C-alpha atoms as a PDB file:
ATOM      1  CA  HIS A   1      31.902  12.800 -20.258  1.00  0.00           C
ATOM      2  CA  TYR A   2      33.428  12.708 -16.690  1.00  0.00           C
ATOM      3  CA  VAL A   3      36.529  11.217 -17.990  1.00  0.00           C
ATOM      4  CA  ALA A   4      37.015  13.800 -20.739  1.00  0.00           C
ATOM      5  CA  SER A   5      36.433  16.788 -18.413  1.00  0.00           C
ATOM      6  CA  GLY A   6      39.068  15.353 -15.979  1.00  0.00           C
ATOM      7  CA  ILE A   7      41.584  14.974 -18.826  1.00  0.00           C
ATOM      8  CA  ARG A   8      40.853  18.645 -19.987  1.00  0.00           C
ATOM      9  CA  GLN A   9      41.218  19.862 -16.297  1.00  0.00           C
ATOM     10  CA  GLU A  10      44.833  18.083 -16.093  1.00  0.00           C
ATOM     11  CA  PHE A  11      45.913  19.704 -19.228  1.00  0.00           C
ATOM     12  CA  ALA A  12      44.662  23.044 -18.135  1.00  0.00           C
ATOM     13  CA  ALA A  13      46.648  22.722 -14.995  1.00  0.00           C
ATOM     14  CA  LEU A  14      49.732  22.939 -17.162  1.00  0.00           C
ATOM     15  CA  GLY A  15      48.790  26.584 -18.065  1.00  0.00           C
ATOM     16  CA  TYR A  16      47.893  26.101 -21.746  1.00  0.00           C
ATOM     17  CA  SER A  17      44.498  27.055 -23.492  1.00  0.00           C
ATOM     18  CA  GLU A  18      42.320  24.245 -24.598  1.00  0.00           C
ATOM     19  CA  GLU A  19      43.102  25.260 -28.192  1.00  0.00           C
ATOM     20  CA  THR A  20      46.791  25.272 -27.765  1.00  0.00           C
ATOM     21  CA  VAL A  21      46.415  21.812 -25.955  1.00  0.00           C
ATOM     22  CA  ALA A  22      44.502  20.575 -28.976  1.00  0.00           C
ATOM     23  CA  ASP A  23      46.986  21.772 -31.441  1.00  0.00           C
ATOM     24  CA  MET A  24      49.797  20.171 -29.486  1.00  0.00           C
ATOM     25  CA  LEU A  25      48.045  16.795 -29.399  1.00  0.00           C
ATOM     26  CA  VAL A  26      47.138  16.757 -32.948  1.00  0.00           C
ATOM     27  CA  HIS A  27      50.723  17.429 -33.917  1.00  0.00           C
ATOM     28  CA  TYR A  28      51.949  14.688 -31.760  1.00  0.00           C
ATOM     29  CA  LEU A  29      49.294  12.139 -32.695  1.00  0.00           C
ATOM     30  CA  TYR A  30      49.023  12.781 -36.232  1.00  0.00           C
ATOM     31  CA  GLY A  31      52.928  13.489 -36.660  1.00  0.00           C
ATOM     32  CA  GLY A  32      53.770   9.618 -36.646  1.00  0.00           C
ATOM     33  CA  SER A  33      51.893   6.452 -36.948  1.00  0.00           C
ATOM     34  CA  ARG A  34      50.178   6.490 -33.550  1.00  0.00           C
ATOM     35  CA  ARG A  35      46.807   4.732 -33.336  1.00  0.00           C
ATOM     36  CA  SER A  36      45.195   6.228 -30.140  1.00  0.00           C
ATOM     37  CA  LYS A  37      43.295   9.088 -31.404  1.00  0.00           C
ATOM     38  CA  GLN A  38      39.853   8.482 -30.187  1.00  0.00           C
ATOM     39  CA  LEU A  39      40.299  10.046 -26.886  1.00  0.00           C
ATOM     40  CA  LEU A  40      41.751  13.134 -28.416  1.00  0.00           C
ATOM     41  CA  TRP A  41      38.636  13.446 -30.571  1.00  0.00           C
ATOM     42  CA  PHE A  42      36.404  12.713 -27.621  1.00  0.00           C
ATOM     43  CA  CYS A  43      37.904  15.330 -25.365  1.00  0.00           C
ATOM     44  CA  TYR A  44      39.004  18.102 -27.989  1.00  0.00           C
ATOM     45  CA  GLY A  45      36.904  17.335 -31.159  1.00  0.00           C
ATOM     46  CA  GLN A  46      35.152  20.561 -31.038  1.00  0.00           C
ATOM     47  CA  HIS A  47      38.192  22.592 -30.679  1.00  0.00           C
ATOM     48  CA  ILE A  48      39.838  20.764 -33.559  1.00  0.00           C
ATOM     49  CA  ALA A  49      36.797  21.179 -35.676  1.00  0.00           C
ATOM     50  CA  ASN A  50      36.734  24.923 -35.033  1.00  0.00           C
ATOM     51  CA  ARG A  51      40.316  25.317 -36.090  1.00  0.00           C
ATOM     52  CA  LEU A  52      39.724  23.341 -39.212  1.00  0.00           C
ATOM     53  CA  ARG A  53      36.973  25.613 -40.172  1.00  0.00           C
ATOM     54  CA  GLU A  54      39.132  28.838 -39.498  1.00  0.00           C
ATOM     55  CA  ASN A  55      42.135  27.474 -41.408  1.00  0.00           C
ATOM     56  CA  VAL A  56      40.854  25.513 -44.252  1.00  0.00           C
ATOM     57  CA  ALA A  57      39.476  27.484 -47.070  1.00  0.00           C
ATOM     58  CA  VAL A  58      36.433  25.755 -48.902  1.00  0.00           C
ATOM     59  CA  LYS A  59      36.065  26.450 -52.533  1.00  0.00           C
ATOM     60  CA  ASN A  60      32.688  27.540 -53.885  1.00  0.00           C
ATOM     61  CA  THR A  61      31.925  25.250 -56.871  1.00  0.00           C
ATOM     62  CA  LYS A  62      29.146  24.427 -59.198  1.00  0.00           C
ATOM     63  CA  ALA A  63      28.273  21.100 -61.184  1.00  0.00           C
ATOM     64  CA  ILE A  64      28.268  21.557 -64.985  1.00  0.00           C
ATOM     65  CA  ARG A  65      27.880  18.958 -67.617  1.00  0.00           C
ATOM     66  CA  CYS A  66      30.266  18.420 -70.374  1.00  0.00           C
ATOM     67  CA  GLN A  67      28.972  19.604 -73.616  1.00  0.00           C
ATOM     68  CA  ASP A  68      30.679  16.749 -75.502  1.00  0.00           C
ATOM     69  CA  CYS A  69      30.440  13.541 -73.573  1.00  0.00           C
ATOM     70  CA  GLY A  70      27.728  14.561 -70.868  1.00  0.00           C
ATOM     71  CA  GLN A  71      29.858  13.822 -67.879  1.00  0.00           C
ATOM     72  CA  TRP A  72      29.070  15.944 -64.709  1.00  0.00           C
ATOM     73  CA  LEU A  73      32.117  17.857 -63.208  1.00  0.00           C
ATOM     74  CA  GLU A  74      32.704  20.530 -60.736  1.00  0.00           C
ATOM     75  CA  VAL A  75      34.287  23.726 -61.564  1.00  0.00           C
ATOM     76  CA  ASP A  76      34.958  26.866 -59.648  1.00  0.00           C
ATOM     77  CA  SER A  77      31.566  28.868 -59.249  1.00  0.00           C
ATOM     78  CA  LYS A  78      33.250  31.902 -60.780  1.00  0.00           C
ATOM     79  CA  ASP A  79      34.581  29.945 -63.827  1.00  0.00           C
ATOM     80  CA  ASN A  80      32.191  30.744 -66.582  1.00  0.00           C
ATOM     81  CA  THR A  81      34.306  29.687 -69.548  1.00  0.00           C
ATOM     82  CA  THR A  82      34.628  25.881 -68.748  1.00  0.00           C
ATOM     83  CA  ASN A  83      32.270  23.770 -70.357  1.00  0.00           C
ATOM     84  CA  ARG A  84      34.125  20.477 -71.082  1.00  0.00           C
ATOM     85  CA  CYS A  85      35.873  17.783 -69.071  1.00  0.00           C
ATOM     86  CA  VAL A  86      39.619  17.491 -69.407  1.00  0.00           C
ATOM     87  CA  PRO A  87      39.784  14.670 -71.862  1.00  0.00           C
ATOM     88  CA  CYS A  88      37.072  16.416 -74.118  1.00  0.00           C
ATOM     89  CA  TYR A  89      38.820  19.700 -73.902  1.00  0.00           C
ATOM     90  CA  LEU A  90      42.028  18.335 -75.169  1.00  0.00           C
ATOM     91  CA  THR A  91      40.420  16.631 -78.009  1.00  0.00           C
ATOM     92  CA  TYR A  92      38.744  19.833 -78.770  1.00  0.00           C
ATOM     93  CA  ARG A  93      41.777  21.846 -78.710  1.00  0.00           C
ATOM     94  CA  LYS A  94      43.538  19.339 -81.103  1.00  0.00           C
ATOM     95  CA  LYS A  95      40.849  19.563 -83.445  1.00  0.00           C
ATOM     96  CA  TYR A  96      40.616  23.493 -83.128  1.00  0.00           C
ATOM     97  CA  LYS A  97      44.482  23.829 -83.732  1.00  0.00           C
ATOM     98  CA  ALA A  98      44.273  21.445 -86.681  1.00  0.00           C
ATOM     99  CA  GLU A  99      41.466  23.499 -88.325  1.00  0.00           C
ATOM    100  CA  ARG A 100      43.204  26.840 -87.659  1.00  0.00           C
ATOM    101  CA  GLU A 101      46.542  25.561 -89.303  1.00  0.00           C
ATOM    102  CA  ARG A 102      44.547  24.305 -92.260  1.00  0.00           C
ATOM    103  CA  LEU A 103      42.804  27.732 -92.776  1.00  0.00           C
ATOM    104  CA  ARG A 104      46.221  29.364 -92.336  1.00  0.00           C
ATOM    105  CA  ARG A 105      47.688  27.183 -94.997  1.00  0.00           C
ATOM    106  CA  GLU A 106      44.880  27.574 -97.373  1.00  0.00           C
ATOM    107  CA  LYS A 107      44.927  31.348 -97.057  1.00  0.00           C
ATOM    108  CA  LYS A 108      48.668  31.152 -97.647  1.00  0.00           C
ATOM    109  CA  ARG A 109      48.295  29.146-100.815  1.00  0.00           C
ATOM    110  CA  MET A 110      45.478  31.414-102.182  1.00  0.00           C
ATOM    111  CA  GLU A 111      47.778  34.611-101.486  1.00  0.00           C
ATOM    112  CA  ALA A 112      50.613  32.661-103.522  1.00  0.00           C
ATOM    113  CA  MET A 113      47.984  32.023-106.239  1.00  0.00           C
ATOM    114  CA  ALA A 114      46.760  35.420-106.562  1.00  0.00           C
ATOM    115  CA  PRO A 115      48.299  37.621-109.487  1.00  0.00           C
ATOM    116  CA  GLN A 116      50.930  40.034-108.317  1.00  0.00           C
ATOM    117  CA  ILE A 117      50.198  43.854-108.920  1.00  0.00           C
END
């Protein structure tokens, strides 16, 4: 704790706020392939976590079960239309389109066979 507060005081002497120093250090340390990040998190971890909470939006999700295969999946909580996983949905749409096309062709054939008035 003593080391961390000493480091924070030295950075504060430069005239920047702790949030700004944390932002600069994150940009410097995570911008390349540097390994020494433990001290950063020890000194400024709380500020970094607060910035992440402010800047990263977390989606509200809900878990639903696919009505075809039973697999659990997460979808947006406002989405009330999704009830299948992606592979099952693609299979369902393929079958649905084939059935619609079959009905269309049957209707066309029936119209052609009907007597002309």
